[in-house]
Amino acid sequence: MLLTVPNYQVIWIARDGKEAVDRCAKDTPDLILMDLFMPIMDGVEATRQIMQQSPCTILIVTASVGNHAGKVFEAMGYGARDAVDTPILGTQGSSNSHQPLLAKIVTLSKLIGKSSNTSDGAIG
C-alpha cells in the first residue's frame, strides 16, 4: 500500500523489534510504522530503545488501538507520536480501511517537515 503513495518510500522492513532498533541505528527513517506485538522485542521496548539511541517519529500501528490502549500509551510515553488501527486487508476489508493510516502518515510528515507535496519521506 505505501509503495503506491507518491513521495513516500519504504527504506526497510523489520521482522521484530530488535531488528527495528538495529536498522534504525544504521539508517534512521523520517517515520517508523511500529507494530506493538512482535517477536524477540515488542513495539513498546523497541520504541523506548529507538527514542534513546536514534530518535525519529514513530506511529504505532496495531490491530485495535482501543483494545491495546495501555500498551499504546506506554509506547507514547516513550516517544511514539500517535497510534492508528491496522488497515483491514483482503476481501473482508473496506477498500477505504487504509485511509486513517495514510492520513496519519501525511499529518506526521507535515509535522516533521516532510510535506508529501515537496519532498520524499522515508518510512521504516
PDB file of N, CA and C in Angstrom:
ATOM      1  N   MET A   1       0.823  -1.188   0.000  1.00  0.00           N
ATOM      2  CA  MET A   1       0.000   0.000   0.000  1.00  0.00           C
ATOM      3  C   MET A   1       0.869   1.254   0.000  1.00  0.00           C
ATOM      4  N   LEU A   2       1.824   1.381   0.877  1.00  0.00           N
ATOM      5  CA  LEU A   2       2.650   2.577   0.953  1.00  0.00           C
ATOM      6  C   LEU A   2       3.528   2.749  -0.266  1.00  0.00           C
ATOM      7  N   LEU A   3       3.870   1.647  -0.903  1.00  0.00           N
ATOM      8  CA  LEU A   3       4.727   1.748  -2.074  1.00  0.00           C
ATOM      9  C   LEU A   3       4.047   2.476  -3.222  1.00  0.00           C
ATOM     10  N   THR A   4       2.725   2.546  -3.224  1.00  0.00           N
ATOM     11  CA  THR A   4       1.998   3.208  -4.296  1.00  0.00           C
ATOM     12  C   THR A   4       1.649   4.653  -3.968  1.00  0.00           C
ATOM     13  N   VAL A   5       2.006   5.139  -2.801  1.00  0.00           N
ATOM     14  CA  VAL A   5       1.714   6.514  -2.415  1.00  0.00           C
ATOM     15  C   VAL A   5       2.851   7.407  -2.898  1.00  0.00           C
ATOM     16  N   PRO A   6       2.548   8.395  -3.733  1.00  0.00           N
ATOM     17  CA  PRO A   6       3.613   9.268  -4.247  1.00  0.00           C
ATOM     18  C   PRO A   6       4.391   9.941  -3.120  1.00  0.00           C
ATOM     19  N   ASN A   7       5.692  10.090  -3.327  1.00  0.00           N
ATOM     20  CA  ASN A   7       6.591  10.817  -2.423  1.00  0.00           C
ATOM     21  C   ASN A   7       6.899  10.100  -1.109  1.00  0.00           C
ATOM     22  N   TYR A   8       6.527   8.844  -0.976  1.00  0.00           N
ATOM     23  CA  TYR A   8       6.894   8.071   0.208  1.00  0.00           C
ATOM     24  C   TYR A   8       7.632   6.828  -0.250  1.00  0.00           C
ATOM     25  N   GLN A   9       8.669   6.489   0.471  1.00  0.00           N
ATOM     26  CA  GLN A   9       9.485   5.335   0.102  1.00  0.00           C
ATOM     27  C   GLN A   9       9.738   4.495   1.342  1.00  0.00           C
ATOM     28  N   VAL A  10       9.448   3.204   1.261  1.00  0.00           N
ATOM     29  CA  VAL A  10       9.778   2.283   2.339  1.00  0.00           C
ATOM     30  C   VAL A  10      11.258   1.957   2.190  1.00  0.00           C
ATOM     31  N   ILE A  11      12.057   2.313   3.214  1.00  0.00           N
ATOM     32  CA  ILE A  11      13.504   2.089   3.096  1.00  0.00           C
ATOM     33  C   ILE A  11      13.949   0.792   3.749  1.00  0.00           C
ATOM     34  N   TRP A  12      13.179   0.287   4.699  1.00  0.00           N
ATOM     35  CA  TRP A  12      13.455  -1.025   5.260  1.00  0.00           C
ATOM     36  C   TRP A  12      12.236  -1.542   5.997  1.00  0.00           C
ATOM     37  N   ILE A  13      12.208  -2.864   6.199  1.00  0.00           N
ATOM     38  CA  ILE A  13      11.155  -3.535   6.957  1.00  0.00           C
ATOM     39  C   ILE A  13      11.844  -4.421   7.977  1.00  0.00           C
ATOM     40  N   ALA A  14      11.371  -4.367   9.210  1.00  0.00           N
ATOM     41  CA  ALA A  14      11.928  -5.209  10.279  1.00  0.00           C
ATOM     42  C   ALA A  14      10.917  -6.287  10.645  1.00  0.00           C
ATOM     43  N   ARG A  15      11.411  -7.483  10.915  1.00  0.00           N
ATOM     44  CA  ARG A  15      10.547  -8.601  11.278  1.00  0.00           C
ATOM     45  C   ARG A  15      10.273  -8.674  12.772  1.00  0.00           C
ATOM     46  N   ASP A  16      11.070  -7.954  13.568  1.00  0.00           N
ATOM     47  CA  ASP A  16      10.874  -7.946  15.018  1.00  0.00           C
ATOM     48  C   ASP A  16      11.413  -6.628  15.573  1.00  0.00           C
ATOM     49  N   GLY A  17      11.140  -6.380  16.843  1.00  0.00           N
ATOM     50  CA  GLY A  17      11.546  -5.124  17.463  1.00  0.00           C
ATOM     51  C   GLY A  17      13.044  -4.912  17.513  1.00  0.00           C
ATOM     52  N   LYS A  18      13.793  -5.963  17.774  1.00  0.00           N
ATOM     53  CA  LYS A  18      15.255  -5.831  17.837  1.00  0.00           C
ATOM     54  C   LYS A  18      15.816  -5.436  16.479  1.00  0.00           C
ATOM     55  N   GLU A  19      15.300  -6.060  15.440  1.00  0.00           N
ATOM     56  CA  GLU A  19      15.747  -5.708  14.094  1.00  0.00           C
ATOM     57  C   GLU A  19      15.404  -4.248  13.779  1.00  0.00           C
ATOM     58  N   ALA A  20      14.251  -3.773  14.233  1.00  0.00           N
ATOM     59  CA  ALA A  20      13.873  -2.366  14.022  1.00  0.00           C
ATOM     60  C   ALA A  20      14.861  -1.432  14.705  1.00  0.00           C
ATOM     61  N   VAL A  21      15.239  -1.754  15.940  1.00  0.00           N
ATOM     62  CA  VAL A  21      16.212  -0.934  16.674  1.00  0.00           C
ATOM     63  C   VAL A  21      17.544  -0.920  15.930  1.00  0.00           C
ATOM     64  N   ASP A  22      18.007  -2.084  15.511  1.00  0.00           N
ATOM     65  CA  ASP A  22      19.288  -2.193  14.807  1.00  0.00           C
ATOM     66  C   ASP A  22      19.267  -1.448  13.470  1.00  0.00           C
ATOM     67  N   ARG A  23      18.205  -1.627  12.710  1.00  0.00           N
ATOM     68  CA  ARG A  23      18.113  -0.961  11.407  1.00  0.00           C
ATOM     69  C   ARG A  23      18.027   0.556  11.571  1.00  0.00           C
ATOM     70  N   CYS A  24      17.278   0.985  12.572  1.00  0.00           N
ATOM     71  CA  CYS A  24      17.128   2.422  12.804  1.00  0.00           C
ATOM     72  C   CYS A  24      18.461   3.061  13.173  1.00  0.00           C
ATOM     73  N   ALA A  25      19.279   2.350  13.918  1.00  0.00           N
ATOM     74  CA  ALA A  25      20.593   2.878  14.298  1.00  0.00           C
ATOM     75  C   ALA A  25      21.485   3.077  13.069  1.00  0.00           C
ATOM     76  N   LYS A  26      21.307   2.225  12.059  1.00  0.00           N
ATOM     77  CA  LYS A  26      22.137   2.303  10.849  1.00  0.00           C
ATOM     78  C   LYS A  26      21.560   3.235   9.787  1.00  0.00           C
ATOM     79  N   ASP A  27      20.238   3.316   9.732  1.00  0.00           N
ATOM     80  CA  ASP A  27      19.563   4.100   8.693  1.00  0.00           C
ATOM     81  C   ASP A  27      18.253   4.632   9.271  1.00  0.00           C
ATOM     82  N   THR A  28      18.326   5.772   9.946  1.00  0.00           N
ATOM     83  CA  THR A  28      17.160   6.330  10.636  1.00  0.00           C
ATOM     84  C   THR A  28      16.194   6.947   9.625  1.00  0.00           C
ATOM     85  N   PRO A  29      14.967   6.434   9.578  1.00  0.00           N
ATOM     86  CA  PRO A  29      13.983   6.986   8.642  1.00  0.00           C
ATOM     87  C   PRO A  29      13.316   8.241   9.214  1.00  0.00           C
ATOM     88  N   ASP A  30      12.539   8.903   8.388  1.00  0.00           N
ATOM     89  CA  ASP A  30      11.754  10.040   8.858  1.00  0.00           C
ATOM     90  C   ASP A  30      10.617   9.563   9.754  1.00  0.00           C
ATOM     91  N   LEU A  31      10.065   8.392   9.454  1.00  0.00           N
ATOM     92  CA  LEU A  31       8.896   7.867  10.155  1.00  0.00           C
ATOM     93  C   LEU A  31       8.994   6.350  10.237  1.00  0.00           C
ATOM     94  N   ILE A  32       8.647   5.812  11.401  1.00  0.00           N
ATOM     95  CA  ILE A  32       8.566   4.361  11.583  1.00  0.00           C
ATOM     96  C   ILE A  32       7.121   3.993  11.863  1.00  0.00           C
ATOM     97  N   LEU A  33       6.613   2.982  11.157  1.00  0.00           N
ATOM     98  CA  LEU A  33       5.322   2.382  11.468  1.00  0.00           C
ATOM     99  C   LEU A  33       5.625   1.186  12.359  1.00  0.00           C
ATOM    100  N   MET A  34       5.257   1.289  13.635  1.00  0.00           N
ATOM    101  CA  MET A  34       5.663   0.305  14.643  1.00  0.00           C
ATOM    102  C   MET A  34       4.479  -0.532  15.108  1.00  0.00           C
ATOM    103  N   ASP A  35       4.595  -1.844  14.937  1.00  0.00           N
ATOM    104  CA  ASP A  35       3.611  -2.772  15.488  1.00  0.00           C
ATOM    105  C   ASP A  35       3.885  -2.921  16.977  1.00  0.00           C
ATOM    106  N   LEU A  36       2.850  -3.156  17.763  1.00  0.00           N
ATOM    107  CA  LEU A  36       3.050  -3.362  19.201  1.00  0.00           C
ATOM    108  C   LEU A  36       3.506  -4.772  19.521  1.00  0.00           C
ATOM    109  N   PHE A  37       3.019  -5.739  18.767  1.00  0.00           N
ATOM    110  CA  PHE A  37       3.250  -7.138  19.105  1.00  0.00           C
ATOM    111  C   PHE A  37       4.144  -7.794  18.060  1.00  0.00           C
ATOM    112  N   MET A  38       5.397  -8.009  18.452  1.00  0.00           N
ATOM    113  CA  MET A  38       6.391  -8.623  17.566  1.00  0.00           C
ATOM    114  C   MET A  38       7.224  -9.599  18.380  1.00  0.00           C
ATOM    115  N   PRO A  39       7.854 -10.557  17.710  1.00  0.00           N
ATOM    116  CA  PRO A  39       8.733 -11.479  18.434  1.00  0.00           C
ATOM    117  C   PRO A  39      10.019 -10.783  18.884  1.00  0.00           C
ATOM    118  N   ILE A  40      10.731 -11.404  19.765  1.00  0.00           N
ATOM    119  CA  ILE A  40      12.029 -11.001  20.313  1.00  0.00           C
ATOM    120  C   ILE A  40      11.925  -9.745  21.166  1.00  0.00           C
ATOM    121  N   MET A  41      11.404  -8.653  20.606  1.00  0.00           N
ATOM    122  CA  MET A  41      11.239  -7.404  21.350  1.00  0.00           C
ATOM    123  C   MET A  41       9.943  -6.753  20.867  1.00  0.00           C
ATOM    124  N   ASP A  42       9.050  -6.409  21.808  1.00  0.00           N
ATOM    125  CA  ASP A  42       7.782  -5.817  21.386  1.00  0.00           C
ATOM    126  C   ASP A  42       7.954  -4.356  20.974  1.00  0.00           C
ATOM    127  N   GLY A  43       6.889  -3.784  20.438  1.00  0.00           N
ATOM    128  CA  GLY A  43       6.935  -2.424  19.932  1.00  0.00           C
ATOM    129  C   GLY A  43       7.171  -1.369  20.991  1.00  0.00           C
ATOM    130  N   VAL A  44       6.709  -1.619  22.212  1.00  0.00           N
ATOM    131  CA  VAL A  44       6.932  -0.657  23.298  1.00  0.00           C
ATOM    132  C   VAL A  44       8.423  -0.553  23.605  1.00  0.00           C
ATOM    133  N   GLU A  45       9.077  -1.685  23.790  1.00  0.00           N
ATOM    134  CA  GLU A  45      10.510  -1.680  24.100  1.00  0.00           C
ATOM    135  C   GLU A  45      11.324  -1.174  22.910  1.00  0.00           C
ATOM    136  N   ALA A  46      10.928  -1.551  21.705  1.00  0.00           N
ATOM    137  CA  ALA A  46      11.633  -1.052  20.518  1.00  0.00           C
ATOM    138  C   ALA A  46      11.507   0.468  20.425  1.00  0.00           C
ATOM    139  N   THR A  47      10.327   0.993  20.707  1.00  0.00           N
ATOM    140  CA  THR A  47      10.125   2.448  20.710  1.00  0.00           C
ATOM    141  C   THR A  47      11.028   3.101  21.740  1.00  0.00           C
ATOM    142  N   ARG A  48      11.075   2.541  22.937  1.00  0.00           N
ATOM    143  CA  ARG A  48      11.914   3.100  24.002  1.00  0.00           C
ATOM    144  C   ARG A  48      13.376   3.159  23.561  1.00  0.00           C
ATOM    145  N   GLN A  49      13.867   2.048  23.017  1.00  0.00           N
ATOM    146  CA  GLN A  49      15.273   1.995  22.617  1.00  0.00           C
ATOM    147  C   GLN A  49      15.576   2.914  21.430  1.00  0.00           C
ATOM    148  N   ILE A  50      14.684   2.953  20.460  1.00  0.00           N
ATOM    149  CA  ILE A  50      14.899   3.828  19.304  1.00  0.00           C
ATOM    150  C   ILE A  50      14.933   5.286  19.746  1.00  0.00           C
ATOM    151  N   MET A  51      14.024   5.673  20.609  1.00  0.00           N
ATOM    152  CA  MET A  51      13.979   7.069  21.037  1.00  0.00           C
ATOM    153  C   MET A  51      15.202   7.446  21.866  1.00  0.00           C
ATOM    154  N   GLN A  52      15.826   6.481  22.526  1.00  0.00           N
ATOM    155  CA  GLN A  52      17.061   6.751  23.269  1.00  0.00           C
ATOM    156  C   GLN A  52      18.275   6.818  22.342  1.00  0.00           C
ATOM    157  N   GLN A  53      18.319   5.923  21.352  1.00  0.00           N
ATOM    158  CA  GLN A  53      19.522   5.761  20.532  1.00  0.00           C
ATOM    159  C   GLN A  53      19.527   6.576  19.244  1.00  0.00           C
ATOM    160  N   SER A  54      18.427   6.608  18.551  1.00  0.00           N
ATOM    161  CA  SER A  54      18.357   7.306  17.258  1.00  0.00           C
ATOM    162  C   SER A  54      16.928   7.813  17.048  1.00  0.00           C
ATOM    163  N   PRO A  55      16.560   8.860  17.780  1.00  0.00           N
ATOM    164  CA  PRO A  55      15.169   9.333  17.784  1.00  0.00           C
ATOM    165  C   PRO A  55      14.636   9.678  16.391  1.00  0.00           C
ATOM    166  N   CYS A  56      13.398   9.314  16.184  1.00  0.00           N
ATOM    167  CA  CYS A  56      12.679   9.672  14.969  1.00  0.00           C
ATOM    168  C   CYS A  56      11.188   9.580  15.277  1.00  0.00           C
ATOM    169  N   THR A  57      10.363   9.937  14.327  1.00  0.00           N
ATOM    170  CA  THR A  57       8.919   9.901  14.525  1.00  0.00           C
ATOM    171  C   THR A  57       8.428   8.461  14.404  1.00  0.00           C
ATOM    172  N   ILE A  58       7.640   8.038  15.400  1.00  0.00           N
ATOM    173  CA  ILE A  58       7.101   6.675  15.414  1.00  0.00           C
ATOM    174  C   ILE A  58       5.583   6.736  15.482  1.00  0.00           C
ATOM    175  N   LEU A  59       4.932   6.009  14.571  1.00  0.00           N
ATOM    176  CA  LEU A  59       3.485   5.848  14.554  1.00  0.00           C
ATOM    177  C   LEU A  59       3.182   4.395  14.905  1.00  0.00           C
ATOM    178  N   ILE A  60       2.449   4.184  15.976  1.00  0.00           N
ATOM    179  CA  ILE A  60       2.054   2.834  16.380  1.00  0.00           C
ATOM    180  C   ILE A  60       0.903   2.377  15.484  1.00  0.00           C
ATOM    181  N   VAL A  61       1.041   1.183  14.912  1.00  0.00           N
ATOM    182  CA  VAL A  61       0.004   0.587  14.073  1.00  0.00           C
ATOM    183  C   VAL A  61      -0.327  -0.760  14.696  1.00  0.00           C
ATOM    184  N   THR A  62      -1.552  -0.897  15.187  1.00  0.00           N
ATOM    185  CA  THR A  62      -1.931  -2.120  15.890  1.00  0.00           C
ATOM    186  C   THR A  62      -3.357  -2.520  15.518  1.00  0.00           C
ATOM    187  N   ALA A  63      -3.683  -3.788  15.724  1.00  0.00           N
ATOM    188  CA  ALA A  63      -4.987  -4.320  15.332  1.00  0.00           C
ATOM    189  C   ALA A  63      -6.139  -3.501  15.901  1.00  0.00           C
ATOM    190  N   SER A  64      -6.029  -3.080  17.144  1.00  0.00           N
ATOM    191  CA  SER A  64      -7.083  -2.287  17.769  1.00  0.00           C
ATOM    192  C   SER A  64      -6.466  -1.361  18.807  1.00  0.00           C
ATOM    193  N   VAL A  65      -6.394  -0.084  18.479  1.00  0.00           N
ATOM    194  CA  VAL A  65      -5.842   0.894  19.419  1.00  0.00           C
ATOM    195  C   VAL A  65      -6.631   0.859  20.721  1.00  0.00           C
ATOM    196  N   GLY A  66      -7.947   0.784  20.630  1.00  0.00           N
ATOM    197  CA  GLY A  66      -8.794   0.769  21.821  1.00  0.00           C
ATOM    198  C   GLY A  66      -8.558  -0.435  22.714  1.00  0.00           C
ATOM    199  N   ASN A  67      -8.407  -1.603  22.123  1.00  0.00           N
ATOM    200  CA  ASN A  67      -8.187  -2.818  22.906  1.00  0.00           C
ATOM    201  C   ASN A  67      -6.788  -2.902  23.494  1.00  0.00           C
ATOM    202  N   HIS A  68      -5.863  -2.116  22.962  1.00  0.00           N
ATOM    203  CA  HIS A  68      -4.481  -2.148  23.441  1.00  0.00           C
ATOM    204  C   HIS A  68      -4.050  -0.781  23.968  1.00  0.00           C
ATOM    205  N   ALA A  69      -5.003  -0.045  24.519  1.00  0.00           N
ATOM    206  CA  ALA A  69      -4.746   1.335  24.952  1.00  0.00           C
ATOM    207  C   ALA A  69      -3.590   1.429  25.942  1.00  0.00           C
ATOM    208  N   GLY A  70      -3.483   0.497  26.868  1.00  0.00           N
ATOM    209  CA  GLY A  70      -2.402   0.527  27.854  1.00  0.00           C
ATOM    210  C   GLY A  70      -1.033   0.490  27.195  1.00  0.00           C
ATOM    211  N   LYS A  71      -0.860  -0.431  26.264  1.00  0.00           N
ATOM    212  CA  LYS A  71       0.425  -0.542  25.555  1.00  0.00           C
ATOM    213  C   LYS A  71       0.649   0.654  24.629  1.00  0.00           C
ATOM    214  N   VAL A  72      -0.418   1.147  24.006  1.00  0.00           N
ATOM    215  CA  VAL A  72      -0.296   2.324  23.139  1.00  0.00           C
ATOM    216  C   VAL A  72       0.205   3.513  23.949  1.00  0.00           C
ATOM    217  N   PHE A  73      -0.409   3.760  25.106  1.00  0.00           N
ATOM    218  CA  PHE A  73       0.003   4.894  25.932  1.00  0.00           C
ATOM    219  C   PHE A  73       1.401   4.696  26.505  1.00  0.00           C
ATOM    220  N   GLU A  74       1.761   3.448  26.777  1.00  0.00           N
ATOM    221  CA  GLU A  74       3.124   3.177  27.238  1.00  0.00           C
ATOM    222  C   GLU A  74       4.134   3.545  26.141  1.00  0.00           C
ATOM    223  N   ALA A  75       3.849   3.135  24.909  1.00  0.00           N
ATOM    224  CA  ALA A  75       4.732   3.480  23.784  1.00  0.00           C
ATOM    225  C   ALA A  75       4.769   4.990  23.571  1.00  0.00           C
ATOM    226  N   MET A  76       3.631   5.643  23.709  1.00  0.00           N
ATOM    227  CA  MET A  76       3.595   7.094  23.556  1.00  0.00           C
ATOM    228  C   MET A  76       4.371   7.777  24.675  1.00  0.00           C
ATOM    229  N   GLY A  77       4.385   7.176  25.842  1.00  0.00           N
ATOM    230  CA  GLY A  77       5.183   7.704  26.940  1.00  0.00           C
ATOM    231  C   GLY A  77       6.674   7.664  26.647  1.00  0.00           C
ATOM    232  N   TYR A  78       7.080   6.748  25.792  1.00  0.00           N
ATOM    233  CA  TYR A  78       8.486   6.646  25.384  1.00  0.00           C
ATOM    234  C   TYR A  78       8.792   7.482  24.145  1.00  0.00           C
ATOM    235  N   GLY A  79       7.768   8.091  23.558  1.00  0.00           N
ATOM    236  CA  GLY A  79       8.028   8.995  22.446  1.00  0.00           C
ATOM    237  C   GLY A  79       7.267   8.754  21.159  1.00  0.00           C
ATOM    238  N   ALA A  80       6.487   7.670  21.070  1.00  0.00           N
ATOM    239  CA  ALA A  80       5.668   7.473  19.870  1.00  0.00           C
ATOM    240  C   ALA A  80       4.718   8.663  19.742  1.00  0.00           C
ATOM    241  N   ARG A  81       4.474   9.115  18.524  1.00  0.00           N
ATOM    242  CA  ARG A  81       3.686  10.329  18.303  1.00  0.00           C
ATOM    243  C   ARG A  81       2.188  10.101  18.245  1.00  0.00           C
ATOM    244  N   ASP A  82       1.764   8.921  17.770  1.00  0.00           N
ATOM    245  CA  ASP A  82       0.340   8.680  17.569  1.00  0.00           C
ATOM    246  C   ASP A  82       0.132   7.188  17.370  1.00  0.00           C
ATOM    247  N   ALA A  83      -1.131   6.792  17.224  1.00  0.00           N
ATOM    248  CA  ALA A  83      -1.461   5.386  17.001  1.00  0.00           C
ATOM    249  C   ALA A  83      -2.662   5.303  16.072  1.00  0.00           C
ATOM    250  N   VAL A  84      -2.727   4.219  15.328  1.00  0.00           N
ATOM    251  CA  VAL A  84      -3.819   4.003  14.390  1.00  0.00           C
ATOM    252  C   VAL A  84      -4.064   2.499  14.266  1.00  0.00           C
ATOM    253  N   ASP A  85      -5.319   2.141  13.985  1.00  0.00           N
ATOM    254  CA  ASP A  85      -5.646   0.734  13.758  1.00  0.00           C
ATOM    255  C   ASP A  85      -5.024   0.253  12.449  1.00  0.00           C
ATOM    256  N   THR A  86      -4.600  -1.003  12.441  1.00  0.00           N
ATOM    257  CA  THR A  86      -4.072  -1.621  11.230  1.00  0.00           C
ATOM    258  C   THR A  86      -5.182  -1.695  10.185  1.00  0.00           C
ATOM    259  N   PRO A  87      -4.906  -1.301   8.951  1.00  0.00           N
ATOM    260  CA  PRO A  87      -5.928  -1.438   7.907  1.00  0.00           C
ATOM    261  C   PRO A  87      -6.309  -2.900   7.713  1.00  0.00           C
ATOM    262  N   ILE A  88      -7.561  -3.130   7.368  1.00  0.00           N
ATOM    263  CA  ILE A  88      -8.055  -4.477   7.110  1.00  0.00           C
ATOM    264  C   ILE A  88      -7.776  -4.801   5.649  1.00  0.00           C
ATOM    265  N   LEU A  89      -7.055  -5.876   5.417  1.00  0.00           N
ATOM    266  CA  LEU A  89      -6.699  -6.264   4.052  1.00  0.00           C
ATOM    267  C   LEU A  89      -7.533  -7.447   3.598  1.00  0.00           C
ATOM    268  N   GLY A  90      -7.647  -7.623   2.319  1.00  0.00           N
ATOM    269  CA  GLY A  90      -8.354  -8.777   1.780  1.00  0.00           C
ATOM    270  C   GLY A  90      -9.796  -8.453   1.435  1.00  0.00           C
ATOM    271  N   THR A  91     -10.567  -9.486   1.167  1.00  0.00           N
ATOM    272  CA  THR A  91     -11.933  -9.306   0.682  1.00  0.00           C
ATOM    273  C   THR A  91     -12.886  -8.823   1.760  1.00  0.00           C
ATOM    274  N   GLN A  92     -12.579  -9.065   3.025  1.00  0.00           N
ATOM    275  CA  GLN A  92     -13.490  -8.650   4.089  1.00  0.00           C
ATOM    276  C   GLN A  92     -13.317  -7.181   4.458  1.00  0.00           C
ATOM    277  N   GLY A  93     -12.200  -6.600   4.109  1.00  0.00           N
ATOM    278  CA  GLY A  93     -11.913  -5.221   4.492  1.00  0.00           C
ATOM    279  C   GLY A  93     -12.517  -4.216   3.537  1.00  0.00           C
ATOM    280  N   SER A  94     -12.836  -3.056   4.066  1.00  0.00           N
ATOM    281  CA  SER A  94     -13.312  -1.962   3.249  1.00  0.00           C
ATOM    282  C   SER A  94     -12.175  -1.464   2.368  1.00  0.00           C
ATOM    283  N   SER A  95     -12.509  -1.031   1.182  1.00  0.00           N
ATOM    284  CA  SER A  95     -11.474  -0.509   0.293  1.00  0.00           C
ATOM    285  C   SER A  95     -10.879   0.788   0.829  1.00  0.00           C
ATOM    286  N   ASN A  96     -11.538   1.412   1.796  1.00  0.00           N
ATOM    287  CA  ASN A  96     -11.042   2.651   2.388  1.00  0.00           C
ATOM    288  C   ASN A  96     -10.423   2.441   3.765  1.00  0.00           C
ATOM    289  N   SER A  97     -10.200   1.212   4.168  1.00  0.00           N
ATOM    290  CA  SER A  97      -9.692   0.954   5.521  1.00  0.00           C
ATOM    291  C   SER A  97      -8.291   1.504   5.739  1.00  0.00           C
ATOM    292  N   HIS A  98      -7.563   1.777   4.663  1.00  0.00           N
ATOM    293  CA  HIS A  98      -6.210   2.317   4.774  1.00  0.00           C
ATOM    294  C   HIS A  98      -6.189   3.837   4.943  1.00  0.00           C
ATOM    295  N   GLN A  99      -7.322   4.504   4.753  1.00  0.00           N
ATOM    296  CA  GLN A  99      -7.354   5.968   4.799  1.00  0.00           C
ATOM    297  C   GLN A  99      -6.902   6.561   6.133  1.00  0.00           C
ATOM    298  N   PRO A 100      -7.327   6.023   7.291  1.00  0.00           N
ATOM    299  CA  PRO A 100      -6.835   6.598   8.557  1.00  0.00           C
ATOM    300  C   PRO A 100      -5.314   6.515   8.693  1.00  0.00           C
ATOM    301  N   LEU A 101      -4.720   5.397   8.263  1.00  0.00           N
ATOM    302  CA  LEU A 101      -3.264   5.260   8.321  1.00  0.00           C
ATOM    303  C   LEU A 101      -2.591   6.279   7.408  1.00  0.00           C
ATOM    304  N   LEU A 102      -3.068   6.387   6.183  1.00  0.00           N
ATOM    305  CA  LEU A 102      -2.471   7.340   5.249  1.00  0.00           C
ATOM    306  C   LEU A 102      -2.621   8.772   5.744  1.00  0.00           C
ATOM    307  N   ALA A 103      -3.768   9.093   6.335  1.00  0.00           N
ATOM    308  CA  ALA A 103      -3.977  10.445   6.873  1.00  0.00           C
ATOM    309  C   ALA A 103      -2.994  10.744   7.991  1.00  0.00           C
ATOM    310  N   LYS A 104      -2.746   9.766   8.858  1.00  0.00           N
ATOM    311  CA  LYS A 104      -1.777   9.965   9.951  1.00  0.00           C
ATOM    312  C   LYS A 104      -0.366  10.140   9.394  1.00  0.00           C
ATOM    313  N   ILE A 105      -0.011   9.370   8.376  1.00  0.00           N
ATOM    314  CA  ILE A 105       1.315   9.499   7.767  1.00  0.00           C
ATOM    315  C   ILE A 105       1.494  10.903   7.194  1.00  0.00           C
ATOM    316  N   VAL A 106       0.493  11.391   6.484  1.00  0.00           N
ATOM    317  CA  VAL A 106       0.574  12.732   5.896  1.00  0.00           C
ATOM    318  C   VAL A 106       0.680  13.789   6.989  1.00  0.00           C
ATOM    319  N   THR A 107      -0.143  13.677   8.035  1.00  0.00           N
ATOM    320  CA  THR A 107      -0.110  14.651   9.127  1.00  0.00           C
ATOM    321  C   THR A 107       1.240  14.651   9.827  1.00  0.00           C
ATOM    322  N   LEU A 108       1.745  13.476  10.175  1.00  0.00           N
ATOM    323  CA  LEU A 108       3.045  13.399  10.848  1.00  0.00           C
ATOM    324  C   LEU A 108       4.163  13.891   9.935  1.00  0.00           C
ATOM    325  N   SER A 109       4.061  13.616   8.649  1.00  0.00           N
ATOM    326  CA  SER A 109       5.073  14.103   7.706  1.00  0.00           C
ATOM    327  C   SER A 109       5.118  15.625   7.692  1.00  0.00           C
ATOM    328  N   LYS A 110       3.967  16.252   7.750  1.00  0.00           N
ATOM    329  CA  LYS A 110       3.918  17.717   7.799  1.00  0.00           C
ATOM    330  C   LYS A 110       4.537  18.235   9.089  1.00  0.00           C
ATOM    331  N   LEU A 111       4.256  17.548  10.193  1.00  0.00           N
ATOM    332  CA  LEU A 111       4.801  17.980  11.484  1.00  0.00           C
ATOM    333  C   LEU A 111       6.321  17.887  11.535  1.00  0.00           C
ATOM    334  N   ILE A 112       6.886  16.910  10.830  1.00  0.00           N
ATOM    335  CA  ILE A 112       8.344  16.754  10.854  1.00  0.00           C
ATOM    336  C   ILE A 112       9.011  17.426   9.661  1.00  0.00           C
ATOM    337  N   GLY A 113       8.216  18.158   8.881  1.00  0.00           N
ATOM    338  CA  GLY A 113       8.796  18.917   7.782  1.00  0.00           C
ATOM    339  C   GLY A 113       9.016  18.135   6.517  1.00  0.00           C
ATOM    340  N   LYS A 114       8.315  17.032   6.339  1.00  0.00           N
ATOM    341  CA  LYS A 114       8.437  16.218   5.126  1.00  0.00           C
ATOM    342  C   LYS A 114       7.096  16.224   4.408  1.00  0.00           C
ATOM    343  N   SER A 115       6.696  17.368   3.907  1.00  0.00           N
ATOM    344  CA  SER A 115       5.419  17.504   3.223  1.00  0.00           C
ATOM    345  C   SER A 115       5.358  16.567   2.026  1.00  0.00           C
ATOM    346  N   SER A 116       4.237  15.897   1.862  1.00  0.00           N
ATOM    347  CA  SER A 116       4.097  14.977   0.734  1.00  0.00           C
ATOM    348  C   SER A 116       4.087  15.719  -0.596  1.00  0.00           C
ATOM    349  N   ASN A 117       3.947  17.047  -0.560  1.00  0.00           N
ATOM    350  CA  ASN A 117       3.947  17.815  -1.798  1.00  0.00           C
ATOM    351  C   ASN A 117       5.331  18.299  -2.200  1.00  0.00           C
ATOM    352  N   THR A 118       6.306  18.259  -1.277  1.00  0.00           N
ATOM    353  CA  THR A 118       7.581  18.886  -1.586  1.00  0.00           C
ATOM    354  C   THR A 118       8.790  17.967  -1.531  1.00  0.00           C
ATOM    355  N   SER A 119       8.765  16.926  -0.745  1.00  0.00           N
ATOM    356  CA  SER A 119       9.962  16.083  -0.651  1.00  0.00           C
ATOM    357  C   SER A 119       9.591  14.657  -0.298  1.00  0.00           C
ATOM    358  N   ASP A 120      10.510  13.786  -0.557  1.00  0.00           N
ATOM    359  CA  ASP A 120      10.283  12.375  -0.260  1.00  0.00           C
ATOM    360  C   ASP A 120      10.346  12.119   1.229  1.00  0.00           C
ATOM    361  N   GLY A 121       9.499  11.230   1.697  1.00  0.00           N
ATOM    362  CA  GLY A 121       9.550  10.781   3.072  1.00  0.00           C
ATOM    363  C   GLY A 121      10.034   9.349   3.107  1.00  0.00           C
ATOM    364  N   ALA A 122      10.928   9.049   4.012  1.00  0.00           N
ATOM    365  CA  ALA A 122      11.457   7.694   4.154  1.00  0.00           C
ATOM    366  C   ALA A 122      10.769   7.014   5.316  1.00  0.00           C
ATOM    367  N   ILE A 123      10.218   5.847   5.084  1.00  0.00           N
ATOM    368  CA  ILE A 123       9.471   5.122   6.103  1.00  0.00           C
ATOM    369  C   ILE A 123      10.161   3.808   6.399  1.00  0.00           C
ATOM    370  N   GLY A 124      10.351   3.528   7.694  1.00  0.00           N
ATOM    371  CA  GLY A 124      10.951   2.273   8.119  1.00  0.00           C
ATOM    372  C   GLY A 124       9.928   1.372   8.699  1.00  0.00           C
TER     373      GLY A 124
END
